Amino acid sequence: MTNVTNAMPLTLERMRADIAKALDESPEIVTDDENLIDLGLDSMRVLVLTTQWAETGIPLQFSDLAAHVTLAGWWQVVQRLQAGSAAPK
């Protein structure tokens, strides 16, 4: 059983805000198709973000995001995982 400690749901806008905070930038700089690496997001920050977002109950792992470099790509991964975690078992 997953212990969900972060009650705030994971949304596209939350992801954008969290990425911007990690970069010490405004959310407007994090567009859907901007290369996050070019913005300065490194693997340690991605690991921290992944851990925070997994606390929402989504089985998100660093490797899920590593293959993508844009917020749009990450959001597709999250949506797929959200749909899978909502499926009846």
Protein backbone atom coordinates (compact mmCIF):
# COMPACT_ATOMS: atom_id res chain seq x y z
CA MET A 1 0.00 0.00 0.00
CA THR A 2 1.35 3.40 -0.97
CA ASN A 3 1.59 6.02 1.75
CA VAL A 4 0.47 9.20 0.01
CA THR A 5 1.98 12.09 1.92
CA ASN A 6 1.41 14.81 -0.65
CA ALA A 7 -2.33 15.42 -1.03
CA MET A 8 -1.97 17.96 -3.84
CA PRO A 9 -2.82 16.17 -7.11
CA LEU A 10 -0.29 16.04 -9.88
CA THR A 11 -1.41 18.30 -12.71
CA LEU A 12 0.37 19.79 -15.68
CA GLU A 13 0.38 23.18 -14.01
CA ARG A 14 1.75 21.78 -10.77
CA MET A 15 4.54 20.08 -12.71
CA ARG A 16 5.30 23.36 -14.50
CA ALA A 17 5.39 25.27 -11.19
CA ASP A 18 7.57 22.63 -9.50
CA ILE A 19 10.05 22.62 -12.39
CA ALA A 20 10.18 26.42 -12.37
CA LYS A 21 10.79 26.43 -8.62
CA ALA A 22 13.61 23.89 -9.01
CA LEU A 23 15.17 26.18 -11.61
CA ASP A 24 14.48 29.34 -9.60
CA GLU A 25 12.54 30.71 -12.58
CA SER A 26 8.97 31.82 -13.23
CA PRO A 27 6.53 29.17 -14.50
CA GLU A 28 6.08 31.07 -17.76
CA ILE A 29 9.61 30.08 -18.82
CA VAL A 30 8.65 26.38 -18.69
CA THR A 31 6.63 25.92 -21.85
CA ASP A 32 5.25 22.54 -22.87
CA ASP A 33 7.82 22.02 -25.64
CA GLU A 34 10.89 23.70 -24.12
CA ASN A 35 13.89 21.43 -23.66
CA LEU A 36 14.17 21.16 -19.87
CA ILE A 37 17.86 20.33 -20.03
CA ASP A 38 18.49 23.53 -21.97
CA LEU A 39 16.66 25.40 -19.21
CA GLY A 40 19.16 24.00 -16.70
CA LEU A 41 17.30 21.02 -15.24
CA ASP A 42 19.89 18.43 -14.24
CA SER A 43 19.49 14.80 -13.18
CA MET A 44 19.60 15.56 -9.46
CA ARG A 45 16.71 18.02 -9.76
CA VAL A 46 14.78 15.52 -11.88
CA LEU A 47 15.31 12.89 -9.19
CA VAL A 48 13.99 15.24 -6.51
CA LEU A 49 10.97 16.17 -8.63
CA THR A 50 10.25 12.52 -9.41
CA THR A 51 10.31 11.68 -5.72
CA GLN A 52 7.96 14.56 -4.88
CA TRP A 53 5.53 13.66 -7.63
CA ALA A 54 5.55 9.96 -6.74
CA GLU A 55 4.26 10.97 -3.30
CA THR A 56 0.93 11.80 -4.98
CA GLY A 57 0.36 8.08 -5.42
CA ILE A 58 1.47 7.79 -9.04
CA PRO A 59 4.08 5.04 -9.51
CA LEU A 60 6.49 7.48 -11.18
CA GLN A 61 10.19 6.68 -11.42
CA PHE A 62 13.20 8.61 -12.66
CA SER A 63 13.56 6.25 -15.64
CA ASP A 64 10.01 7.13 -16.75
CA LEU A 65 11.07 10.74 -17.30
CA ALA A 66 14.65 10.20 -18.45
CA ALA A 67 13.61 9.37 -22.02
CA HIS A 68 11.85 12.74 -22.43
CA VAL A 69 13.21 16.27 -22.39
CA THR A 70 10.01 18.34 -22.46
CA LEU A 71 7.19 18.97 -20.04
CA ALA A 72 4.76 17.72 -22.69
CA GLY A 73 6.63 14.41 -22.82
CA TRP A 74 6.66 14.12 -19.04
CA TRP A 75 2.95 14.93 -18.87
CA GLN A 76 2.17 12.13 -21.34
CA VAL A 77 4.05 9.71 -19.07
CA VAL A 78 2.13 10.94 -16.01
CA GLN A 79 -1.22 10.67 -17.78
CA ARG A 80 -0.42 7.09 -18.80
CA LEU A 81 0.56 6.20 -15.25
CA GLN A 82 -2.50 7.95 -13.80
CA ALA A 83 -4.76 5.99 -16.14
CA GLY A 84 -3.00 2.74 -15.19
CA SER A 85 -3.27 3.40 -11.45
CA ALA A 86 -6.98 4.18 -11.84
CA ALA A 87 -7.69 0.88 -13.62
CA PRO A 88 -9.52 -1.73 -11.55
CA LYS A 89 -7.32 -4.49 -10.17
